[in-house]
Protein backbone atom coordinates (compact mmCIF):
# COMPACT_ATOMS: atom_id res chain seq x y z
CA MET A 1 136.75 104.86 129.75
CA ARG A 2 136.90 104.12 133.46
CA ALA A 3 135.55 100.74 134.49
CA THR A 4 132.67 100.51 136.94
CA SER A 5 131.49 97.64 139.09
CA LEU A 6 129.13 95.06 137.64
CA ARG A 7 126.68 95.86 140.39
CA THR A 8 126.41 99.56 139.71
CA ALA A 9 127.03 99.94 136.01
CA ILE A 10 124.31 99.91 133.36
CA PRO A 11 125.25 96.69 131.53
CA VAL A 12 126.11 97.06 127.88
CA ALA A 13 124.37 93.74 127.27
CA LEU A 14 121.12 95.12 128.69
CA VAL A 15 121.16 98.07 126.32
CA GLY A 16 122.06 95.74 123.46
CA TRP A 17 119.09 93.44 124.09
CA LEU A 18 116.74 96.41 124.39
CA VAL A 19 118.08 97.86 121.14
CA CYS A 20 117.04 94.55 119.54
CA VAL A 21 113.53 95.06 120.94
CA GLU A 22 113.37 98.56 119.45
CA LEU A 23 114.73 97.24 116.15
CA VAL A 24 111.72 94.91 115.92
CA SER A 25 109.43 97.74 117.06
CA GLY A 26 110.71 99.80 114.14
CA VAL A 27 110.14 96.90 111.74
CA LEU A 28 106.51 96.75 112.87
CA GLN A 29 106.10 100.48 112.23
CA GLY A 30 107.61 100.36 108.74
CA TYR A 31 106.58 96.93 107.47
CA TYR A 32 102.82 97.13 107.08
CA VAL A 33 102.71 100.66 105.64
CA THR A 34 104.79 99.63 102.65
CA ILE A 35 102.39 96.86 101.61
CA SER A 36 99.18 98.56 102.80
CA THR A 37 97.58 98.49 99.35
CA GLU A 38 98.32 94.78 98.98
CA ILE A 39 96.87 94.15 102.46
CA ALA A 40 93.68 95.98 101.42
CA ARG A 41 93.34 93.74 98.36
CA HIS A 42 94.02 90.67 100.51
CA LEU A 43 91.20 91.63 102.89
CA ASP A 44 88.95 92.74 100.03
CA VAL A 45 88.51 96.29 101.34
CA VAL A 46 89.07 99.72 99.81
CA ASP A 47 92.19 101.74 100.61
CA ALA A 48 90.21 104.23 102.71
CA ASP A 49 89.30 101.46 105.16
CA LEU A 50 92.98 101.20 106.10
CA ASN A 51 92.54 104.41 108.10
CA TRP A 52 90.51 102.43 110.62
CA PHE A 53 93.47 100.15 111.32
CA GLU A 54 95.71 103.03 112.28
CA ALA A 55 92.96 104.74 114.28
CA ALA A 56 92.18 101.57 116.25
CA GLN A 57 95.84 100.91 117.02
CA LEU A 58 96.51 104.47 118.17
CA LEU A 59 93.41 104.40 120.34
CA LEU A 60 94.27 101.11 122.03
CA SER A 61 97.88 102.14 122.63
CA ALA A 62 96.77 105.43 124.17
CA LEU A 63 94.51 103.52 126.55
CA ALA A 64 96.82 100.61 127.37
CA VAL A 65 100.23 102.24 127.71
CA PRO A 66 99.64 104.19 130.97
CA VAL A 67 98.10 101.14 132.66
CA LEU A 68 100.86 98.78 131.55
CA ALA A 69 103.52 101.26 132.62
CA LYS A 70 101.97 101.56 136.10
CA LEU A 71 101.88 97.75 136.34
CA GLY A 72 105.59 97.84 135.50
CA ASP A 73 106.21 100.29 138.34
CA MET A 74 104.24 98.02 140.67
CA HIS A 75 105.45 94.54 139.74
CA GLY A 76 108.61 95.00 137.66
CA HIS A 77 109.13 96.47 134.20
CA ARG A 78 110.65 93.29 132.78
CA LYS A 79 107.51 91.27 133.61
CA VAL A 80 105.31 93.75 131.77
CA LEU A 81 107.76 94.00 128.86
CA LEU A 82 107.67 90.23 128.51
CA GLY A 83 103.88 90.06 128.85
CA SER A 84 103.30 92.84 126.32
CA THR A 85 105.64 91.08 123.89
CA VAL A 86 103.53 87.93 124.22
CA VAL A 87 100.45 90.00 123.30
CA VAL A 88 102.19 91.63 120.33
CA ALA A 89 103.50 88.26 119.11
CA GLY A 90 100.04 86.71 119.35
CA ALA A 91 98.48 89.65 117.51
CA SER A 92 101.14 89.48 114.78
CA TRP A 93 100.48 85.77 114.19
CA TRP A 94 96.74 86.49 114.17
CA MET A 95 97.23 89.20 111.51
CA ALA A 96 99.09 86.78 109.28
CA PHE A 97 96.11 84.41 109.15
CA ALA A 98 93.30 86.96 109.41
CA GLY A 99 91.28 86.91 106.21
CA ASP A 100 88.61 89.52 106.91
CA PHE A 101 88.42 93.17 107.88
CA TRP A 102 87.20 92.82 111.48
CA SER A 103 89.59 90.06 112.47
CA TYR A 104 92.56 91.97 111.06
CA LEU A 105 91.33 95.19 112.71
CA ILE A 106 91.22 93.60 116.18
CA ALA A 107 94.63 91.97 115.73
CA PHE A 108 96.22 95.16 114.37
CA ALA A 109 94.83 97.15 117.30
CA LEU A 110 96.22 94.63 119.81
CA GLN A 111 99.60 94.86 118.13
CA GLY A 112 99.67 98.51 119.22
CA VAL A 113 100.66 97.34 122.71
CA TYR A 114 104.27 97.58 121.45
CA ALA A 115 104.00 101.32 122.14
CA VAL A 116 104.75 100.55 125.80
CA TRP A 117 108.09 98.93 124.99
CA LEU A 118 110.17 102.13 124.86
CA PRO A 119 108.81 103.57 128.16
CA LEU A 120 109.42 100.24 129.91
CA GLU A 121 112.94 100.04 128.48
CA ILE A 122 113.76 103.56 129.68
CA ALA A 123 112.45 102.68 133.14
CA LEU A 124 114.53 99.48 133.20
CA ILE A 125 117.69 101.31 132.21
CA PHE A 126 117.12 104.15 134.67
CA ASP A 127 116.47 101.67 137.48
CA ARG A 128 119.72 99.84 136.74
CA GLY A 129 121.65 103.10 136.79
CA ARG A 130 120.19 104.62 139.96
CA ARG A 131 123.17 103.64 142.13
CA THR A 132 125.82 104.93 139.75
CA GLY A 133 125.25 108.63 140.24
CA ARG A 134 125.02 108.88 136.43
CA ALA A 135 121.56 107.41 135.90
CA ALA A 136 120.15 110.44 134.07
CA SER A 137 123.02 110.96 131.61
CA GLU A 138 123.50 107.24 130.99
CA THR A 139 119.77 106.84 130.37
CA ARG A 140 119.80 109.66 127.82
CA ARG A 141 122.75 108.03 126.12
CA ALA A 142 121.04 104.64 126.08
CA ALA A 143 117.79 106.25 124.89
CA GLY A 144 119.64 107.64 121.89
CA LEU A 145 120.84 104.14 121.01
CA LEU A 146 117.31 102.78 121.41
CA VAL A 147 116.00 105.38 118.96
CA VAL A 148 118.77 104.43 116.53
CA GLY A 149 117.51 100.86 116.73
CA LEU A 150 113.90 102.01 116.32
CA GLU A 151 114.50 104.09 113.20
CA THR A 152 116.87 101.55 111.70
CA GLY A 153 114.15 98.95 112.14
CA ALA A 154 111.62 101.24 110.46
CA ILE A 155 113.89 101.54 107.43
CA LEU A 156 114.52 97.79 107.33
CA GLY A 157 110.80 97.13 107.68
CA ALA A 158 109.87 99.49 104.88
CA LEU A 159 112.49 98.04 102.56
CA GLY A 160 112.01 94.44 103.60
CA ALA A 161 108.23 94.28 103.24
CA ALA A 162 108.22 94.81 99.48
CA ARG A 163 111.06 92.34 99.00
CA ALA A 164 109.37 89.73 101.18
CA TYR A 165 106.10 90.15 99.27
CA ALA A 166 107.89 89.66 95.96
CA GLY A 167 110.06 86.85 97.31
CA PHE A 168 107.03 84.87 98.49
CA GLY A 169 105.40 85.18 95.10
CA GLU A 170 102.97 87.87 96.28
CA ALA A 171 101.51 85.48 98.86
CA MET A 172 100.27 87.55 101.79
CA VAL A 173 100.27 84.94 104.59
CA PRO A 174 104.02 84.15 104.51
CA THR A 175 104.75 87.86 103.97
CA LEU A 176 102.89 88.74 107.18
CA LEU A 177 104.57 85.88 109.05
CA VAL A 178 107.94 87.66 108.86
CA PRO A 179 107.21 90.29 111.57
CA ALA A 180 105.37 87.64 113.63
CA VAL A 181 108.50 85.50 113.72
CA LEU A 182 110.68 88.49 114.62
CA VAL A 183 108.47 89.46 117.56
CA THR A 184 108.39 85.85 118.77
CA LEU A 185 112.20 85.73 118.78
CA LEU A 186 112.20 88.63 121.25
CA LEU A 187 110.68 86.44 123.95
CA PRO A 188 113.81 84.39 124.75
CA ALA A 189 115.94 87.54 124.33
CA ILE A 190 113.94 89.35 127.02
CA TRP A 191 113.66 86.26 129.23
CA PHE A 192 117.39 85.53 129.31
CA GLY A 193 118.95 88.93 128.58
CA VAL A 194 116.94 91.52 130.52
CA PRO A 195 117.14 91.69 134.34
CA GLU A 196 114.16 92.75 136.42
CA SER A 197 113.82 96.20 137.95
CA GLU A 198 113.18 96.80 141.67
CA PRO A 199 109.57 97.88 142.21
CA LEU A 200 108.52 99.62 145.39
CA PRO A 201 106.29 97.49 147.62
CA GLY A 202 102.79 98.46 148.67
CA ARG A 203 101.68 100.01 145.36
CA SER A 204 98.08 99.98 144.03
CA LEU A 205 96.67 100.29 140.52
CA ASP A 206 93.90 102.86 141.18
CA ALA A 207 91.36 101.26 138.85
CA VAL A 208 88.91 104.16 139.18
CA GLY A 209 91.54 106.71 138.19
CA PHE A 210 92.68 104.74 135.19
CA SER A 211 89.06 104.15 134.14
CA LEU A 212 88.38 107.89 134.19
CA LEU A 213 91.60 108.53 132.29
CA ALA A 214 90.76 105.82 129.74
CA LEU A 215 87.27 107.23 129.26
CA SER A 216 88.70 110.70 128.67
CA LEU A 217 91.33 109.43 126.23
CA LEU A 218 88.76 107.22 124.48
CA THR A 219 86.37 110.06 123.80
CA VAL A 220 89.05 112.57 122.78
CA THR A 221 90.89 110.25 120.39
CA SER A 222 87.61 108.90 119.01
CA GLY A 223 86.47 112.44 118.38
CA LEU A 224 89.71 113.27 116.58
CA THR A 225 89.42 110.13 114.46
CA PHE A 226 85.83 110.91 113.47
CA LEU A 227 86.82 114.53 112.80
CA ARG A 228 89.28 113.26 110.19
CA LEU A 229 86.76 110.82 108.71
CA MET A 230 83.54 112.86 108.93
CA GLY A 231 84.88 116.37 108.47
CA PRO A 232 84.57 119.54 110.57
CA GLY A 233 80.93 120.05 109.62
CA SER A 234 79.77 117.12 111.72
CA VAL A 235 78.72 117.77 115.31
CA VAL A 236 79.63 114.29 116.60
CA PRO A 237 83.45 114.69 116.56
CA TRP A 238 83.38 118.03 118.35
CA LEU A 239 80.94 116.69 120.94
CA LEU A 240 83.19 113.71 121.67
CA VAL A 241 86.26 115.93 122.05
CA ALA A 242 84.40 118.30 124.37
CA VAL A 243 83.15 115.45 126.57
CA GLY A 244 86.65 113.95 126.71
CA VAL A 245 88.15 117.25 127.84
CA LEU A 246 85.46 117.71 130.50
CA LEU A 247 86.16 114.24 131.87
CA VAL A 248 89.61 115.49 132.89
CA LEU A 249 87.93 117.41 135.75
CA PRO A 250 86.54 114.39 137.66
CA PHE A 251 89.76 112.52 136.91
CA GLY A 252 91.80 115.34 138.44
CA ARG A 253 89.62 115.55 141.54
CA TRP A 254 89.84 111.80 142.05
CA VAL A 255 93.61 111.37 141.70
CA LEU A 256 94.40 114.42 143.86
CA GLY A 257 92.64 112.67 146.72
CA ARG A 258 94.49 109.37 146.34
CA PRO A 259 97.77 108.49 148.11
CA ASP A 260 98.89 106.34 145.15
CA PRO A 261 96.96 107.71 142.15
CA ALA A 262 96.88 106.48 138.58
CA ILE A 263 98.70 109.64 137.47
CA ASP A 264 100.25 111.85 140.15
CA LEU A 265 99.25 115.36 139.09
CA ARG A 266 101.47 116.82 141.80
CA VAL A 267 104.46 115.35 139.98
CA LEU A 268 103.17 116.49 136.59
CA ARG A 269 102.94 120.12 137.69
CA ARG A 270 106.60 120.23 138.73
CA PRO A 271 108.63 122.68 136.61
CA GLU A 272 110.94 119.88 135.46
CA MET A 273 108.03 117.65 134.36
CA TRP A 274 105.21 119.63 132.74
CA PRO A 275 107.41 121.21 130.02
CA VAL A 276 108.61 117.72 129.01
CA GLN A 277 105.06 116.35 128.73
CA LEU A 278 103.94 119.46 126.85
CA THR A 279 106.90 119.13 124.51
CA ALA A 280 105.98 115.51 123.80
CA GLY A 281 102.50 116.54 122.74
CA LEU A 282 103.71 119.46 120.63
CA VAL A 283 106.43 117.43 118.91
CA GLY A 284 103.83 114.76 118.15
CA VAL A 285 102.23 117.34 115.86
CA SER A 286 105.15 117.22 113.43
CA LEU A 287 106.51 113.77 114.18
CA LEU A 288 103.22 111.90 113.69
CA GLY A 289 100.95 114.40 111.99
CA ALA A 290 103.10 115.87 109.21
CA GLN A 291 104.39 112.73 107.48
CA THR A 292 101.40 112.16 105.20
CA PRO A 293 101.29 115.81 104.05
CA LEU A 294 105.02 115.64 103.28
CA ALA A 295 104.54 112.48 101.22
CA THR A 296 101.60 113.91 99.27
CA TYR A 297 103.44 117.18 98.62
CA ALA A 298 106.41 115.24 97.29
CA GLY A 299 104.09 113.40 94.91
CA THR A 300 102.19 116.48 93.67
CA ASP A 301 102.89 117.32 90.02
CA PRO A 302 104.28 120.88 89.74
CA ASP A 303 103.46 121.02 86.02
CA ALA A 304 99.77 120.56 86.81
CA VAL A 305 99.29 122.82 89.85
CA GLY A 306 102.49 124.89 90.08
CA TYR A 307 103.89 123.38 93.27
CA GLY A 308 105.08 120.03 94.57
CA LEU A 309 108.04 117.85 93.65
CA GLY A 310 106.38 115.46 91.20
CA LEU A 311 108.12 112.37 92.58
CA ASP A 312 107.02 108.81 91.90
CA ALA A 313 106.80 106.14 94.61
CA GLY A 314 110.55 105.50 94.41
CA GLY A 315 111.35 109.18 94.75
CA ARG A 316 108.99 109.60 97.67
CA SER A 317 110.61 106.65 99.42
CA ILE A 318 113.95 108.45 99.11
CA VAL A 319 112.48 111.52 100.81
CA ILE A 320 111.08 109.43 103.65
CA GLY A 321 114.36 107.50 103.87
CA VAL A 322 116.42 110.67 104.18
CA TYR A 323 114.08 111.92 106.90
CA LEU A 324 114.40 108.65 108.83
CA LEU A 325 118.18 108.78 108.49
CA SER A 326 118.16 112.29 109.94
CA LEU A 327 116.21 110.94 112.92
CA ILE A 328 118.99 108.38 113.41
CA VAL A 329 121.60 111.15 113.24
CA GLY A 330 119.69 113.09 115.90
CA ALA A 331 119.52 110.03 118.14
CA ILE A 332 123.25 109.40 117.69
CA LEU A 333 124.00 113.02 118.58
CA LEU A 334 121.85 112.62 121.69
CA ALA A 335 123.87 109.58 122.73
CA ALA A 336 127.17 111.32 122.00
CA LEU A 337 126.38 114.66 123.65
CA SER A 338 124.28 113.48 126.60
CA ARG A 339 127.19 113.80 129.06
CA ARG A 340 128.78 116.88 127.49
CA ILE A 341 125.84 119.27 127.17
CA ALA A 342 123.35 120.18 129.89
CA PRO A 343 120.15 118.18 129.25
CA ARG A 344 117.97 121.29 129.42
CA VAL A 345 120.06 122.96 126.73
CA LEU A 346 120.00 119.79 124.64
CA LEU A 347 116.19 119.65 124.73
CA ILE A 348 115.81 123.33 123.85
CA ALA A 349 118.27 123.05 120.96
CA ALA A 350 116.49 119.98 119.58
CA ALA A 351 113.08 121.70 119.72
CA LEU A 352 114.55 124.76 117.99
CA LEU A 353 115.91 122.57 115.19
CA VAL A 354 112.45 121.11 114.61
CA GLY A 355 110.91 124.59 114.53
CA VAL A 356 113.55 126.05 112.21
CA GLY A 357 113.37 123.09 109.84
CA TYR A 358 109.61 123.26 109.34
CA LEU A 359 109.39 127.05 109.20
CA ALA A 360 112.16 127.05 106.57
CA LEU A 361 109.88 124.90 104.38
CA VAL A 362 107.52 127.86 104.09
CA ALA A 363 110.10 129.59 101.88
CA LEU A 364 112.21 126.63 100.70
CA HIS A 365 109.93 124.06 99.07
CA ASP A 366 110.42 124.49 95.34
CA SER A 367 113.12 121.86 94.81
CA LEU A 368 114.00 118.45 96.17
CA VAL A 369 117.30 119.74 97.59
CA GLU A 370 115.55 122.52 99.52
CA VAL A 371 112.93 120.18 100.95
CA LEU A 372 115.50 117.58 101.96
CA ALA A 373 117.67 120.21 103.64
CA CYS A 374 114.74 121.43 105.72
CA LEU A 375 113.67 117.89 106.61
CA VAL A 376 117.19 116.95 107.71
CA VAL A 377 117.29 119.90 110.13
CA ALA A 378 113.86 119.07 111.54
CA GLY A 379 114.62 115.34 111.59
CA ILE A 380 117.81 115.75 113.62
CA GLY A 381 115.85 117.67 116.23
CA CYS A 382 113.01 115.12 116.25
CA GLY A 383 115.44 112.21 116.55
CA ALA A 384 117.07 113.77 119.60
CA LEU A 385 113.73 114.58 121.22
CA VAL A 386 112.27 111.10 120.75
CA GLY A 387 114.98 109.71 122.99
CA ALA A 388 115.47 112.71 125.26
CA MET A 389 111.84 113.19 126.31
CA PRO A 390 111.23 109.83 128.00
CA ALA A 391 114.71 109.92 129.52
CA ALA A 392 114.02 113.41 130.91
CA ALA A 393 110.66 112.27 132.28
CA ALA A 394 112.34 109.32 134.00
CA ALA A 395 114.94 111.63 135.57
CA ALA A 396 112.25 114.03 136.80
CA ALA A 397 109.99 111.33 138.26
CA PRO A 398 110.28 110.08 141.84
CA ARG A 399 111.26 106.47 142.34
CA GLY A 400 108.37 104.13 141.63
CA GLN A 401 106.85 106.39 138.96
CA THR A 402 109.43 106.23 136.17
CA GLY A 403 107.31 103.88 134.06
CA VAL A 404 104.19 106.04 134.18
CA ALA A 405 106.16 109.25 133.62
CA THR A 406 107.92 107.91 130.53
CA ALA A 407 104.70 106.35 129.23
CA LEU A 408 102.91 109.69 129.46
CA THR A 409 105.36 111.18 126.96
CA ASN A 410 104.16 108.52 124.51
CA THR A 411 100.49 109.17 125.30
CA THR A 412 100.74 112.94 124.92
CA LYS A 413 102.76 112.48 121.73
CA THR A 414 100.02 110.23 120.33
CA ILE A 415 97.28 112.70 121.24
CA GLY A 416 99.26 115.55 119.66
CA GLY A 417 99.75 113.51 116.50
CA SER A 418 96.08 112.51 116.34
CA PHE A 419 94.97 116.11 116.76
CA ALA A 420 97.40 117.30 114.10
CA SER A 421 96.42 114.53 111.68
CA SER A 422 92.76 115.51 111.95
CA LEU A 423 93.50 119.22 111.68
CA PHE A 424 95.85 118.80 108.72
CA ALA A 425 93.31 116.65 106.84
CA ILE A 426 90.80 119.50 107.12
CA VAL A 427 93.33 122.19 106.21
CA LEU A 428 94.61 120.33 103.16
CA ALA A 429 91.08 119.66 101.90
CA THR A 430 90.25 123.36 102.01
CA GLY A 431 90.83 124.93 98.60
CA ALA A 432 92.02 121.67 97.04
CA ILE A 433 92.68 121.68 93.29
CA GLY A 434 91.18 118.44 92.04
CA THR A 435 92.89 115.68 94.00
CA ALA A 436 95.81 117.91 95.00
CA ALA A 437 95.78 119.84 98.26
CA SER A 438 96.26 123.59 98.06
CA ILE A 439 99.65 125.18 98.55
CA GLY A 440 98.09 127.32 101.26
CA GLY A 441 97.16 124.15 103.10
CA TYR A 442 100.72 122.83 102.94
CA VAL A 443 102.15 126.16 104.13
CA THR A 444 99.69 126.12 107.03
CA VAL A 445 100.84 122.61 107.99
CA TRP A 446 104.48 123.69 108.00
CA ILE A 447 103.73 126.83 110.02
CA VAL A 448 101.79 124.84 112.63
CA CYS A 449 104.62 122.28 112.92
CA GLY A 450 107.26 124.96 113.23
CA ALA A 451 105.27 127.11 115.65
CA THR A 452 104.42 124.22 117.99
CA ALA A 453 108.08 123.22 118.12
CA LEU A 454 109.08 126.79 119.01
CA VAL A 455 106.41 126.89 121.72
CA ALA A 456 107.95 123.68 123.09
CA ALA A 457 111.38 125.32 123.12
CA VAL A 458 109.99 128.30 125.04
CA ALA A 459 108.25 125.98 127.53
CA LEU A 460 111.51 124.12 128.12
CA VAL A 461 113.13 127.40 129.17
CA ALA A 462 110.96 127.14 132.31
CA VAL A 463 112.77 123.94 133.30
CA PRO A 464 115.20 124.56 136.19
CA ARG A 465 118.79 124.79 135.04
CA LEU A 466 119.94 121.72 136.96
CA ALA A 467 116.93 119.55 136.10
CA PHE A 468 117.61 116.08 134.68
CA ALA A 469 121.16 116.22 136.01
CA ASP A 470 122.72 113.11 137.49
CA PRO A 471 121.50 112.60 141.07
CA GLU A 472 123.49 111.31 143.96
CA PRO A 473 123.67 107.50 144.15
CA VAL A 474 120.72 105.95 145.96
CA ALA A 475 121.51 104.26 149.25
CA GLU A 476 120.25 100.70 149.20
CA ALA A 477 121.48 99.42 152.55
CA ALA A 478 118.00 99.15 153.97
CA GLU A 479 116.59 97.41 150.93
CA GLU A 480 119.13 94.69 150.15
CA PRO A 481 122.26 93.17 151.68
CA PRO A 482 125.48 94.91 150.71
CA ALA A 483 127.32 93.49 147.75
CA PRO A 484 130.95 92.46 148.02
CA SER A 485 133.37 95.28 147.42
CA PRO A 486 134.65 95.29 143.83
CA ALA A 487 138.25 94.45 143.23
CA ARG A 488 140.49 97.44 142.99
């Protein structure tokens, strides 16, 4: 491998520190789910109330991530990464000592700020690589490594939570202190190990635009949450969704008239950008919306209803573990192939794998081997897309908008997952046999996941052939004094 100058290369140490951040992010995503029942008993609430925790966290992250990303573009992504980590650390410590439903709910929602970490990391890496001429490919490669850290952390969190709970004698406070300590340890790592990006001067936040966007997201995601909780027969969820969609119109009119808008719609309608954002939303359907149906199908007793895998908790954890490992494989392949295969082709192939994997489940779901084979195919595609989408958005965005562009992939993914989760809850309840969802409901879920992934693949065909390719190095002579020439 040819050496590059310290000034122009993306430092390995930077990627290493950011992988550590994603490792902890994965722990947060896997830790609490494993001991959710024990947390409910600790707070003296029923299991169904746990849905409010997830809904509140998704809602807050959807609202906060675009604003925090824009602040990163304005003032430096490292500053916002450090500040958001302080918030997540404080929320994690609060959760450990929260003894009632409302206190834990607020703290858990605030912890959702960690959703901005990956977009900020992608922006930091892309900024460091702008002068190399290989910023796009190196960012995709680094993004694959970040996703490896994320999914590895999720596995460690899921496995470690149960062991920590048992090791602390089933005491909840010290068990919940484990992730709080891990997040706190990130603060010196970011402070000493992560350099600041170079924001463009003269930027503004556009408070009105972000307020309109937040109001739209708030009503849409609230409507989707209430749709899942109240059912399709209630008017309130549909009214909230309709109002949220209509609020996009005044938001669009406002930002189109601003020189530095909250979200630059002119950038979003570029052929190299809108397919990526659409793909993020469509992949969120399967990535975030299909996991619960897969777990419940794996636990359904085939002797009682004629379908399902009849697995106990240990068996279901193996299914989820294999799926997470396939995500890691996809992320590794992204890192390995990012400079060998055209990024447009890589994205299309990954979306096709997701579609093929889920559509194959329609016919191949009678045995554990069949289900695992389909999930591995879909998981490899999802793992590659999780890293490739924000990296592609960063490459397609003009300088000064990489943070917002990458953050929008997270926001659209969250909205897609929330919509799918609500839809799938309704579909699975239709024609249920006792407590078991109908096989028709499961088939519908798999068809929707597969079809949305194929639609994403078709949309990505519209991306120009040379999109996301490595740009020419950026001239910096007017912005900073020239660095000494590297030794030859």
